[in-house]
Amino acid sequence: ELFNDQTAPGLTVQPDYSFAEVFGAVDYRDQDDNARDGGFYSLTWREYSDLDFDRYSFRAVDLLLQQFVPIFDKKRVFAVQGRLQAAATDDGAGQVVPFYFRPTLGGSTSHRGFNDFRFRDDSVVSVNVEYRWEAFSGLDMALFSDWGAVAPNIGKLKMSELQNAYGFGFRFNTYKTVLYRIDLGFGGEGVQAFFKFSKAF
């Protein structure tokens, strides 16, 4: 009732796709699921081909950068994540990116000032900064700040338009993994609470 195929491309028809992917990563974190030292950097490129309607072919890129800086004995950590996601079509080819493949902003792993998938466009940038410390064995606490923006293309992403949120969290964990996480975010659209069986990043 609210959207049509012009405002949400791909709403009325969903084609089958073929795709090609190129992926590369550098990973030297000490732990995959509860990193306290090291970094993770990845770049993924995909080419999607619409097999049915010759209308929804596009390419997508996802650049992810994570760095973890321990203080003294790894019981205190600065964690930083930056991510750029973009989807685009060939100019003048009459193709569009379907709404369900457009990158999104908002949620427990991108921007905790907004609900999951709150914003959607062809280009999204987000930055997350956390200070984590061990309150006692089995519980880490965190102070965080998130920034993010969406735009129709990468060229229109502006650092001056980044929306900011901040908050704090509790992470019930072992040395190797986060078992349960509670994050409370402020500064976006009211107070956002996230309860997750996963790490923030």
N, C-alpha and C. Protein backbone atom coordinates (compact mmCIF):
# COMPACT_ATOMS: atom_id res chain seq x y z
N GLU A 1 0.82 -1.21 0.00
CA GLU A 1 0.00 0.00 0.00
C GLU A 1 0.86 1.26 0.00
N LEU A 2 2.04 1.21 0.57
CA LEU A 2 2.87 2.41 0.69
C LEU A 2 3.86 2.57 -0.46
N PHE A 3 4.28 1.46 -1.10
CA PHE A 3 5.34 1.52 -2.09
C PHE A 3 4.90 0.88 -3.39
N ASN A 4 5.61 1.23 -4.46
CA ASN A 4 5.42 0.60 -5.76
C ASN A 4 6.78 0.31 -6.36
N ASP A 5 6.81 -0.17 -7.59
CA ASP A 5 8.08 -0.57 -8.19
C ASP A 5 8.98 0.62 -8.53
N GLN A 6 8.43 1.83 -8.54
CA GLN A 6 9.25 3.01 -8.77
C GLN A 6 9.97 3.43 -7.49
N THR A 7 9.27 3.41 -6.37
CA THR A 7 9.88 3.83 -5.11
C THR A 7 10.65 2.69 -4.44
N ALA A 8 10.30 1.45 -4.76
CA ALA A 8 11.00 0.27 -4.23
C ALA A 8 11.21 -0.71 -5.37
N PRO A 9 12.22 -0.48 -6.23
CA PRO A 9 12.45 -1.36 -7.39
C PRO A 9 12.57 -2.82 -6.99
N GLY A 10 11.91 -3.69 -7.73
CA GLY A 10 11.94 -5.10 -7.42
C GLY A 10 10.84 -5.55 -6.48
N LEU A 11 9.93 -4.64 -6.14
CA LEU A 11 8.86 -4.98 -5.21
C LEU A 11 7.87 -5.96 -5.82
N THR A 12 7.54 -5.78 -7.08
CA THR A 12 6.49 -6.59 -7.70
C THR A 12 7.01 -7.84 -8.39
N VAL A 13 8.29 -7.81 -8.81
CA VAL A 13 8.87 -8.99 -9.46
C VAL A 13 10.28 -9.21 -8.92
N GLN A 14 10.66 -10.45 -8.74
CA GLN A 14 12.00 -10.79 -8.27
C GLN A 14 12.62 -11.80 -9.23
N PRO A 15 13.63 -11.39 -9.96
CA PRO A 15 14.24 -12.29 -10.94
C PRO A 15 15.17 -13.31 -10.30
N ASP A 16 15.49 -14.36 -11.04
CA ASP A 16 16.62 -15.22 -10.68
C ASP A 16 17.91 -14.52 -11.10
N TYR A 17 18.99 -14.81 -10.38
CA TYR A 17 20.26 -14.16 -10.65
C TYR A 17 21.37 -15.19 -10.85
N SER A 18 22.34 -14.80 -11.65
CA SER A 18 23.66 -15.41 -11.59
C SER A 18 24.61 -14.33 -11.10
N PHE A 19 25.71 -14.73 -10.47
CA PHE A 19 26.64 -13.71 -10.00
C PHE A 19 28.05 -14.26 -9.97
N ALA A 20 28.98 -13.32 -10.08
CA ALA A 20 30.41 -13.62 -9.93
C ALA A 20 30.92 -12.82 -8.76
N GLU A 21 31.88 -13.40 -8.01
CA GLU A 21 32.38 -12.73 -6.81
C GLU A 21 33.89 -12.83 -6.74
N VAL A 22 34.51 -11.74 -6.29
CA VAL A 22 35.93 -11.71 -5.97
C VAL A 22 36.04 -11.23 -4.53
N PHE A 23 36.80 -11.96 -3.72
CA PHE A 23 36.88 -11.65 -2.29
C PHE A 23 38.33 -11.77 -1.82
N GLY A 24 38.71 -10.83 -0.99
CA GLY A 24 40.04 -10.89 -0.39
C GLY A 24 40.00 -10.40 1.04
N ALA A 25 40.83 -10.97 1.89
CA ALA A 25 40.81 -10.57 3.30
C ALA A 25 42.18 -10.75 3.92
N VAL A 26 42.48 -9.91 4.90
CA VAL A 26 43.64 -10.04 5.76
C VAL A 26 43.12 -10.10 7.19
N ASP A 27 43.46 -11.16 7.89
CA ASP A 27 42.92 -11.38 9.23
C ASP A 27 44.04 -11.77 10.18
N TYR A 28 44.35 -10.90 11.14
CA TYR A 28 45.35 -11.26 12.13
C TYR A 28 44.83 -10.96 13.54
N ARG A 29 43.52 -11.11 13.74
CA ARG A 29 42.94 -10.98 15.07
C ARG A 29 43.37 -12.15 15.95
N ASP A 30 43.46 -11.90 17.25
CA ASP A 30 43.83 -12.98 18.16
C ASP A 30 42.69 -13.97 18.35
N GLN A 31 41.43 -13.47 18.28
CA GLN A 31 40.25 -14.33 18.38
C GLN A 31 39.21 -13.84 17.38
N ASP A 32 38.57 -14.76 16.65
CA ASP A 32 37.58 -14.36 15.66
C ASP A 32 36.35 -13.73 16.30
N ASP A 33 35.87 -14.30 17.41
CA ASP A 33 34.58 -13.92 17.96
C ASP A 33 34.66 -13.06 19.22
N ASN A 34 35.87 -12.70 19.63
CA ASN A 34 36.02 -11.78 20.76
C ASN A 34 37.41 -11.16 20.70
N ALA A 35 37.66 -10.47 19.62
CA ALA A 35 39.01 -9.96 19.35
C ALA A 35 39.42 -8.90 20.36
N ARG A 36 40.68 -8.99 20.80
CA ARG A 36 41.26 -8.01 21.71
C ARG A 36 42.55 -7.43 21.15
N ASP A 37 42.99 -7.96 20.02
CA ASP A 37 44.23 -7.50 19.42
C ASP A 37 44.18 -7.86 17.93
N GLY A 38 44.84 -7.03 17.11
CA GLY A 38 44.95 -7.35 15.69
C GLY A 38 43.94 -6.60 14.83
N GLY A 39 43.76 -7.10 13.61
CA GLY A 39 42.88 -6.42 12.68
C GLY A 39 42.28 -7.38 11.66
N PHE A 40 41.23 -6.91 11.02
CA PHE A 40 40.57 -7.66 9.94
C PHE A 40 40.18 -6.67 8.86
N TYR A 41 40.63 -6.95 7.63
CA TYR A 41 40.35 -6.06 6.49
C TYR A 41 39.87 -6.93 5.33
N SER A 42 38.73 -6.58 4.77
CA SER A 42 38.20 -7.39 3.66
C SER A 42 37.60 -6.50 2.58
N LEU A 43 37.63 -7.03 1.36
CA LEU A 43 37.03 -6.35 0.21
C LEU A 43 36.32 -7.41 -0.63
N THR A 44 35.03 -7.17 -0.88
CA THR A 44 34.22 -8.09 -1.68
C THR A 44 33.62 -7.34 -2.85
N TRP A 45 33.73 -7.90 -4.03
CA TRP A 45 33.11 -7.33 -5.24
C TRP A 45 32.23 -8.40 -5.87
N ARG A 46 31.00 -8.03 -6.23
CA ARG A 46 30.07 -8.95 -6.89
C ARG A 46 29.43 -8.30 -8.11
N GLU A 47 29.21 -9.11 -9.13
CA GLU A 47 28.48 -8.69 -10.33
C GLU A 47 27.24 -9.56 -10.43
N TYR A 48 26.06 -8.95 -10.32
CA TYR A 48 24.77 -9.65 -10.37
C TYR A 48 24.16 -9.49 -11.76
N SER A 49 23.71 -10.60 -12.35
CA SER A 49 23.08 -10.56 -13.67
C SER A 49 21.64 -11.06 -13.57
N ASP A 50 20.71 -10.21 -13.95
CA ASP A 50 19.28 -10.53 -13.97
C ASP A 50 19.02 -11.52 -15.09
N LEU A 51 18.55 -12.71 -14.78
CA LEU A 51 18.33 -13.76 -15.78
C LEU A 51 16.94 -13.73 -16.40
N ASP A 52 16.04 -12.90 -15.88
CA ASP A 52 14.65 -12.95 -16.33
C ASP A 52 14.14 -11.70 -17.02
N PHE A 53 14.50 -10.50 -16.53
CA PHE A 53 13.84 -9.28 -17.01
C PHE A 53 14.79 -8.27 -17.65
N ASP A 54 16.09 -8.51 -17.62
CA ASP A 54 17.07 -7.57 -18.15
C ASP A 54 16.83 -6.15 -17.60
N ARG A 55 16.60 -6.07 -16.30
CA ARG A 55 16.31 -4.78 -15.67
C ARG A 55 17.04 -4.59 -14.34
N TYR A 56 17.36 -5.65 -13.66
CA TYR A 56 17.88 -5.54 -12.30
C TYR A 56 19.32 -6.05 -12.17
N SER A 57 20.14 -5.84 -13.19
CA SER A 57 21.55 -6.21 -13.13
C SER A 57 22.35 -5.07 -12.50
N PHE A 58 23.31 -5.42 -11.67
CA PHE A 58 24.09 -4.39 -10.97
C PHE A 58 25.36 -5.02 -10.41
N ARG A 59 26.23 -4.18 -9.86
CA ARG A 59 27.43 -4.64 -9.18
C ARG A 59 27.43 -4.08 -7.76
N ALA A 60 28.10 -4.77 -6.85
CA ALA A 60 28.14 -4.34 -5.46
C ALA A 60 29.56 -4.49 -4.91
N VAL A 61 29.93 -3.59 -4.01
CA VAL A 61 31.24 -3.64 -3.36
C VAL A 61 31.04 -3.45 -1.87
N ASP A 62 31.84 -4.16 -1.08
CA ASP A 62 31.75 -4.10 0.38
C ASP A 62 33.17 -4.05 0.94
N LEU A 63 33.54 -2.92 1.52
CA LEU A 63 34.86 -2.73 2.11
C LEU A 63 34.69 -2.66 3.63
N LEU A 64 35.37 -3.54 4.35
CA LEU A 64 35.25 -3.62 5.81
C LEU A 64 36.63 -3.55 6.44
N LEU A 65 36.79 -2.64 7.40
CA LEU A 65 38.06 -2.45 8.10
C LEU A 65 37.80 -2.52 9.60
N GLN A 66 38.53 -3.37 10.31
CA GLN A 66 38.42 -3.48 11.75
C GLN A 66 39.81 -3.47 12.38
N GLN A 67 39.96 -2.76 13.49
CA GLN A 67 41.23 -2.73 14.20
C GLN A 67 40.97 -2.78 15.70
N PHE A 68 41.78 -3.59 16.40
CA PHE A 68 41.64 -3.77 17.84
C PHE A 68 42.98 -3.45 18.49
N VAL A 69 42.97 -2.50 19.41
CA VAL A 69 44.20 -2.03 20.03
C VAL A 69 44.12 -2.29 21.53
N PRO A 70 44.88 -3.26 22.03
CA PRO A 70 44.82 -3.58 23.47
C PRO A 70 45.61 -2.58 24.30
N ILE A 71 45.20 -2.44 25.54
CA ILE A 71 45.93 -1.60 26.49
C ILE A 71 46.47 -2.52 27.59
N PHE A 72 47.76 -2.60 27.68
CA PHE A 72 48.44 -3.43 28.67
C PHE A 72 48.11 -4.91 28.50
N ASP A 73 47.25 -5.48 29.32
CA ASP A 73 47.06 -6.93 29.35
C ASP A 73 45.82 -7.41 28.60
N LYS A 74 45.33 -6.64 27.66
CA LYS A 74 44.17 -6.98 26.84
C LYS A 74 42.85 -6.96 27.61
N LYS A 75 42.86 -6.47 28.83
CA LYS A 75 41.60 -6.34 29.56
C LYS A 75 40.91 -5.02 29.26
N ARG A 76 41.61 -4.17 28.53
CA ARG A 76 41.04 -2.92 28.02
C ARG A 76 41.42 -2.82 26.55
N VAL A 77 40.44 -2.50 25.72
CA VAL A 77 40.66 -2.53 24.26
C VAL A 77 39.93 -1.37 23.60
N PHE A 78 40.60 -0.70 22.67
CA PHE A 78 39.95 0.21 21.75
C PHE A 78 39.65 -0.56 20.47
N ALA A 79 38.39 -0.55 20.05
CA ALA A 79 37.98 -1.27 18.84
C ALA A 79 37.36 -0.28 17.86
N VAL A 80 37.79 -0.34 16.60
CA VAL A 80 37.31 0.58 15.57
C VAL A 80 36.88 -0.22 14.35
N GLN A 81 35.73 0.13 13.80
CA GLN A 81 35.26 -0.51 12.57
C GLN A 81 34.78 0.56 11.59
N GLY A 82 35.20 0.42 10.34
CA GLY A 82 34.71 1.28 9.27
C GLY A 82 34.20 0.41 8.13
N ARG A 83 33.07 0.80 7.54
CA ARG A 83 32.51 -0.01 6.46
C ARG A 83 31.91 0.88 5.38
N LEU A 84 32.20 0.53 4.13
CA LEU A 84 31.62 1.20 2.97
C LEU A 84 30.98 0.14 2.10
N GLN A 85 29.69 0.30 1.83
CA GLN A 85 28.95 -0.61 0.96
C GLN A 85 28.29 0.21 -0.15
N ALA A 86 28.35 -0.31 -1.36
CA ALA A 86 27.77 0.42 -2.48
C ALA A 86 27.28 -0.56 -3.54
N ALA A 87 26.19 -0.17 -4.20
CA ALA A 87 25.65 -0.92 -5.33
C ALA A 87 25.41 0.06 -6.46
N ALA A 88 25.70 -0.35 -7.70
CA ALA A 88 25.59 0.58 -8.83
C ALA A 88 25.30 -0.20 -10.11
N THR A 89 24.75 0.50 -11.08
CA THR A 89 24.47 -0.06 -12.40
C THR A 89 25.31 0.68 -13.44
N ASP A 90 25.36 0.14 -14.66
CA ASP A 90 26.04 0.82 -15.75
C ASP A 90 25.22 2.03 -16.19
N ASP A 91 25.86 3.15 -16.39
CA ASP A 91 25.16 4.37 -16.82
C ASP A 91 24.49 4.14 -18.16
N GLY A 92 23.23 4.55 -18.25
CA GLY A 92 22.51 4.49 -19.51
C GLY A 92 22.05 3.11 -19.92
N ALA A 93 22.20 2.12 -19.06
CA ALA A 93 21.82 0.75 -19.42
C ALA A 93 20.37 0.42 -19.05
N GLY A 94 19.70 1.34 -18.37
CA GLY A 94 18.31 1.11 -17.99
C GLY A 94 18.13 0.11 -16.86
N GLN A 95 19.20 -0.15 -16.10
CA GLN A 95 19.13 -1.10 -15.00
C GLN A 95 18.89 -0.36 -13.68
N VAL A 96 18.33 -1.04 -12.70
CA VAL A 96 18.16 -0.48 -11.37
C VAL A 96 18.55 -1.53 -10.34
N VAL A 97 18.96 -1.07 -9.15
CA VAL A 97 19.30 -1.96 -8.06
C VAL A 97 18.02 -2.27 -7.28
N PRO A 98 17.62 -3.54 -7.15
CA PRO A 98 16.41 -3.85 -6.39
C PRO A 98 16.57 -3.46 -4.93
N PHE A 99 15.46 -3.06 -4.33
CA PHE A 99 15.54 -2.51 -2.97
C PHE A 99 16.11 -3.50 -1.96
N TYR A 100 15.87 -4.79 -2.16
CA TYR A 100 16.31 -5.78 -1.19
C TYR A 100 17.80 -6.08 -1.29
N PHE A 101 18.49 -5.56 -2.31
CA PHE A 101 19.94 -5.68 -2.40
C PHE A 101 20.66 -4.36 -2.05
N ARG A 102 19.91 -3.31 -1.77
CA ARG A 102 20.53 -2.05 -1.41
C ARG A 102 21.09 -2.14 0.01
N PRO A 103 22.27 -1.58 0.25
CA PRO A 103 22.84 -1.59 1.60
C PRO A 103 21.94 -0.85 2.58
N THR A 104 22.00 -1.23 3.84
CA THR A 104 21.17 -0.61 4.86
C THR A 104 22.04 -0.07 5.99
N LEU A 105 21.47 0.85 6.75
CA LEU A 105 22.12 1.44 7.92
C LEU A 105 21.15 1.42 9.08
N GLY A 106 21.65 0.99 10.22
CA GLY A 106 20.82 0.92 11.42
C GLY A 106 20.84 -0.48 12.00
N GLY A 107 21.00 -0.57 13.31
CA GLY A 107 20.99 -1.88 13.94
C GLY A 107 22.21 -2.12 14.80
N SER A 108 22.27 -3.32 15.35
CA SER A 108 23.25 -3.64 16.39
C SER A 108 24.68 -3.76 15.89
N THR A 109 24.89 -3.89 14.58
CA THR A 109 26.25 -4.02 14.06
C THR A 109 26.66 -2.86 13.15
N SER A 110 25.76 -1.88 12.94
CA SER A 110 26.12 -0.76 12.07
C SER A 110 25.90 0.59 12.73
N HIS A 111 24.69 0.85 13.24
CA HIS A 111 24.39 2.14 13.87
C HIS A 111 23.33 1.94 14.94
N ARG A 112 23.76 1.99 16.20
CA ARG A 112 22.88 1.63 17.30
C ARG A 112 21.99 2.78 17.78
N GLY A 113 21.93 3.87 17.01
CA GLY A 113 20.97 4.92 17.27
C GLY A 113 19.66 4.70 16.56
N PHE A 114 19.60 3.66 15.71
CA PHE A 114 18.42 3.40 14.89
C PHE A 114 18.09 1.91 14.89
N ASN A 115 16.84 1.59 14.59
CA ASN A 115 16.41 0.21 14.47
C ASN A 115 17.11 -0.48 13.31
N ASP A 116 17.07 -1.80 13.29
CA ASP A 116 17.63 -2.58 12.19
C ASP A 116 17.06 -2.13 10.86
N PHE A 117 17.94 -1.95 9.85
CA PHE A 117 17.57 -1.64 8.47
C PHE A 117 16.79 -0.32 8.36
N ARG A 118 17.05 0.64 9.25
CA ARG A 118 16.27 1.88 9.27
C ARG A 118 16.41 2.67 7.99
N PHE A 119 17.62 2.76 7.41
CA PHE A 119 17.84 3.52 6.18
C PHE A 119 18.39 2.59 5.11
N ARG A 120 18.04 2.90 3.85
CA ARG A 120 18.44 2.05 2.73
C ARG A 120 18.70 2.94 1.52
N ASP A 121 19.85 2.73 0.87
CA ASP A 121 20.15 3.46 -0.36
C ASP A 121 21.26 2.71 -1.09
N ASP A 122 21.72 3.26 -2.21
CA ASP A 122 22.72 2.55 -3.00
C ASP A 122 24.12 2.63 -2.40
N SER A 123 24.35 3.58 -1.49
CA SER A 123 25.67 3.70 -0.85
C SER A 123 25.49 3.97 0.64
N VAL A 124 26.28 3.29 1.45
CA VAL A 124 26.20 3.43 2.90
C VAL A 124 27.62 3.45 3.47
N VAL A 125 27.86 4.36 4.40
CA VAL A 125 29.13 4.38 5.13
C VAL A 125 28.81 4.39 6.62
N SER A 126 29.61 3.65 7.40
CA SER A 126 29.41 3.63 8.84
C SER A 126 30.76 3.50 9.53
N VAL A 127 30.84 4.08 10.73
CA VAL A 127 32.04 4.02 11.57
C VAL A 127 31.60 3.74 12.99
N ASN A 128 32.26 2.78 13.63
CA ASN A 128 31.96 2.42 15.02
C ASN A 128 33.24 2.46 15.84
N VAL A 129 33.17 3.09 16.99
CA VAL A 129 34.32 3.16 17.91
C VAL A 129 33.85 2.67 19.28
N GLU A 130 34.60 1.75 19.87
CA GLU A 130 34.25 1.23 21.19
C GLU A 130 35.47 1.23 22.11
N TYR A 131 35.22 1.52 23.36
CA TYR A 131 36.21 1.28 24.41
C TYR A 131 35.64 0.16 25.28
N ARG A 132 36.34 -0.96 25.34
CA ARG A 132 35.86 -2.14 26.06
C ARG A 132 36.79 -2.43 27.23
N TRP A 133 36.19 -2.85 28.34
CA TRP A 133 37.02 -3.24 29.48
C TRP A 133 36.35 -4.38 30.24
N GLU A 134 37.19 -5.17 30.87
CA GLU A 134 36.71 -6.32 31.64
C GLU A 134 36.25 -5.85 33.01
N ALA A 135 34.94 -5.94 33.25
CA ALA A 135 34.40 -5.58 34.57
C ALA A 135 34.77 -6.65 35.59
N PHE A 136 34.55 -7.89 35.22
CA PHE A 136 35.03 -9.05 35.98
C PHE A 136 34.98 -10.25 35.05
N SER A 137 35.49 -11.36 35.47
CA SER A 137 35.57 -12.54 34.60
C SER A 137 34.19 -12.92 34.09
N GLY A 138 34.05 -12.97 32.78
CA GLY A 138 32.77 -13.32 32.17
C GLY A 138 31.92 -12.15 31.76
N LEU A 139 32.33 -10.92 32.10
CA LEU A 139 31.55 -9.73 31.71
C LEU A 139 32.48 -8.60 31.31
N ASP A 140 32.34 -8.16 30.07
CA ASP A 140 32.99 -6.94 29.59
C ASP A 140 31.93 -5.86 29.47
N MET A 141 32.35 -4.63 29.66
CA MET A 141 31.49 -3.47 29.42
C MET A 141 32.09 -2.65 28.29
N ALA A 142 31.27 -1.80 27.69
CA ALA A 142 31.74 -1.02 26.55
C ALA A 142 31.04 0.33 26.49
N LEU A 143 31.81 1.34 26.11
CA LEU A 143 31.27 2.63 25.71
C LEU A 143 31.47 2.74 24.21
N PHE A 144 30.45 3.20 23.49
CA PHE A 144 30.58 3.24 22.03
C PHE A 144 30.02 4.52 21.44
N SER A 145 30.48 4.80 20.23
CA SER A 145 29.93 5.88 19.42
C SER A 145 29.86 5.40 17.98
N ASP A 146 28.73 5.61 17.35
CA ASP A 146 28.49 5.16 15.97
C ASP A 146 28.18 6.37 15.09
N TRP A 147 28.68 6.33 13.85
CA TRP A 147 28.36 7.34 12.85
C TRP A 147 27.93 6.63 11.57
N GLY A 148 27.08 7.28 10.77
CA GLY A 148 26.70 6.67 9.51
C GLY A 148 25.90 7.60 8.63
N ALA A 149 25.88 7.28 7.33
CA ALA A 149 25.10 8.05 6.35
C ALA A 149 24.80 7.16 5.16
N VAL A 150 23.74 7.52 4.43
CA VAL A 150 23.38 6.85 3.18
C VAL A 150 23.27 7.89 2.08
N ALA A 151 23.43 7.45 0.82
CA ALA A 151 23.34 8.37 -0.32
C ALA A 151 23.06 7.56 -1.58
N PRO A 152 22.58 8.22 -2.65
CA PRO A 152 22.30 7.52 -3.91
C PRO A 152 23.53 6.96 -4.60
N ASN A 153 24.71 7.54 -4.32
CA ASN A 153 25.97 7.00 -4.85
C ASN A 153 27.12 7.43 -3.96
N ILE A 154 28.29 6.82 -4.17
CA ILE A 154 29.43 7.09 -3.30
C ILE A 154 29.83 8.56 -3.35
N GLY A 155 29.73 9.18 -4.52
CA GLY A 155 30.12 10.57 -4.65
C GLY A 155 29.30 11.54 -3.83
N LYS A 156 28.11 11.12 -3.42
CA LYS A 156 27.23 12.00 -2.64
C LYS A 156 27.29 11.72 -1.14
N LEU A 157 28.11 10.75 -0.73
CA LEU A 157 28.31 10.54 0.70
C LEU A 157 29.15 11.70 1.25
N LYS A 158 28.67 12.33 2.31
CA LYS A 158 29.36 13.47 2.88
C LYS A 158 29.63 13.24 4.36
N MET A 159 30.87 13.43 4.77
CA MET A 159 31.23 13.25 6.17
C MET A 159 30.46 14.22 7.06
N SER A 160 30.13 15.39 6.52
CA SER A 160 29.40 16.38 7.32
C SER A 160 27.97 15.95 7.61
N GLU A 161 27.47 14.94 6.90
CA GLU A 161 26.09 14.49 7.09
C GLU A 161 26.00 13.19 7.89
N LEU A 162 27.11 12.76 8.46
CA LEU A 162 27.08 11.55 9.27
C LEU A 162 26.20 11.75 10.50
N GLN A 163 25.29 10.81 10.74
CA GLN A 163 24.45 10.84 11.93
C GLN A 163 25.15 10.09 13.06
N ASN A 164 25.12 10.67 14.25
CA ASN A 164 25.87 10.13 15.38
C ASN A 164 24.96 9.56 16.45
N ALA A 165 25.41 8.51 17.09
CA ALA A 165 24.77 7.96 18.28
C ALA A 165 25.86 7.51 19.24
N TYR A 166 25.50 7.33 20.49
CA TYR A 166 26.45 6.88 21.49
C TYR A 166 25.72 5.98 22.47
N GLY A 167 26.46 5.28 23.29
CA GLY A 167 25.79 4.41 24.24
C GLY A 167 26.76 3.55 25.02
N PHE A 168 26.20 2.54 25.69
CA PHE A 168 27.02 1.63 26.47
C PHE A 168 26.44 0.23 26.35
N GLY A 169 27.29 -0.76 26.68
CA GLY A 169 26.85 -2.13 26.51
C GLY A 169 27.47 -3.08 27.52
N PHE A 170 26.88 -4.26 27.61
CA PHE A 170 27.34 -5.35 28.46
C PHE A 170 27.55 -6.57 27.58
N ARG A 171 28.69 -7.25 27.72
CA ARG A 171 29.01 -8.42 26.91
C ARG A 171 29.36 -9.58 27.84
N PHE A 172 28.50 -10.58 27.88
CA PHE A 172 28.76 -11.79 28.65
C PHE A 172 29.54 -12.74 27.76
N ASN A 173 30.73 -13.15 28.21
CA ASN A 173 31.63 -13.78 27.26
C ASN A 173 32.56 -14.78 27.93
N THR A 174 33.24 -15.52 27.06
CA THR A 174 34.43 -16.25 27.43
C THR A 174 35.60 -15.53 26.77
N TYR A 175 36.80 -16.04 26.97
CA TYR A 175 37.95 -15.39 26.34
C TYR A 175 37.82 -15.42 24.81
N LYS A 176 37.20 -16.47 24.26
CA LYS A 176 37.17 -16.65 22.81
C LYS A 176 35.91 -16.15 22.13
N THR A 177 34.81 -15.98 22.86
CA THR A 177 33.56 -15.65 22.17
C THR A 177 32.63 -14.83 23.06
N VAL A 178 31.79 -14.02 22.42
CA VAL A 178 30.73 -13.29 23.11
C VAL A 178 29.48 -14.16 23.09
N LEU A 179 28.97 -14.47 24.27
CA LEU A 179 27.80 -15.34 24.37
C LEU A 179 26.50 -14.56 24.28
N TYR A 180 26.45 -13.38 24.88
CA TYR A 180 25.23 -12.58 24.90
C TYR A 180 25.62 -11.12 25.07
N ARG A 181 24.90 -10.25 24.39
CA ARG A 181 25.26 -8.83 24.39
C ARG A 181 24.02 -7.96 24.56
N ILE A 182 24.15 -6.93 25.38
CA ILE A 182 23.12 -5.91 25.54
C ILE A 182 23.75 -4.57 25.21
N ASP A 183 23.19 -3.85 24.24
CA ASP A 183 23.66 -2.51 23.89
C ASP A 183 22.49 -1.54 23.98
N LEU A 184 22.73 -0.38 24.57
CA LEU A 184 21.74 0.70 24.63
C LEU A 184 22.31 1.90 23.89
N GLY A 185 21.61 2.33 22.83
CA GLY A 185 22.06 3.44 22.01
C GLY A 185 21.19 4.67 22.18
N PHE A 186 21.82 5.86 22.15
CA PHE A 186 21.12 7.12 22.33
C PHE A 186 21.56 8.09 21.23
N GLY A 187 20.68 9.01 20.87
CA GLY A 187 21.09 10.08 19.98
C GLY A 187 20.62 9.95 18.56
N GLY A 188 20.00 8.85 18.19
CA GLY A 188 19.45 8.71 16.84
C GLY A 188 17.97 9.01 16.85
N GLU A 189 17.18 7.99 17.11
CA GLU A 189 15.73 8.15 17.24
C GLU A 189 15.30 7.57 18.59
N GLY A 190 15.56 8.33 19.63
CA GLY A 190 15.23 7.86 20.96
C GLY A 190 16.23 6.84 21.47
N VAL A 191 15.79 6.05 22.43
CA VAL A 191 16.63 5.01 23.00
C VAL A 191 16.41 3.70 22.25
N GLN A 192 17.50 3.09 21.80
CA GLN A 192 17.43 1.81 21.10
C GLN A 192 18.12 0.75 21.95
N ALA A 193 17.43 -0.36 22.18
CA ALA A 193 17.98 -1.46 22.96
C ALA A 193 18.16 -2.68 22.08
N PHE A 194 19.32 -3.30 22.16
CA PHE A 194 19.64 -4.48 21.36
C PHE A 194 20.07 -5.61 22.27
N PHE A 195 19.47 -6.77 22.08
CA PHE A 195 19.78 -7.98 22.84
C PHE A 195 20.18 -9.06 21.83
N LYS A 196 21.47 -9.42 21.80
CA LYS A 196 21.98 -10.25 20.73
C LYS A 196 22.86 -11.38 21.26
N PHE A 197 22.77 -12.53 20.61
CA PHE A 197 23.68 -13.64 20.89
C PHE A 197 24.86 -13.57 19.92
N SER A 198 25.50 -12.42 19.85
CA SER A 198 26.60 -12.24 18.91
C SER A 198 27.41 -11.02 19.32
N LYS A 199 28.60 -10.89 18.77
CA LYS A 199 29.45 -9.76 19.03
C LYS A 199 28.95 -8.53 18.25
N ALA A 200 29.43 -7.34 18.65
CA ALA A 200 29.12 -6.13 17.89
C ALA A 200 29.93 -6.11 16.60
N PHE A 201 31.24 -6.38 16.71
CA PHE A 201 32.13 -6.56 15.57
C PHE A 201 33.47 -7.05 16.10
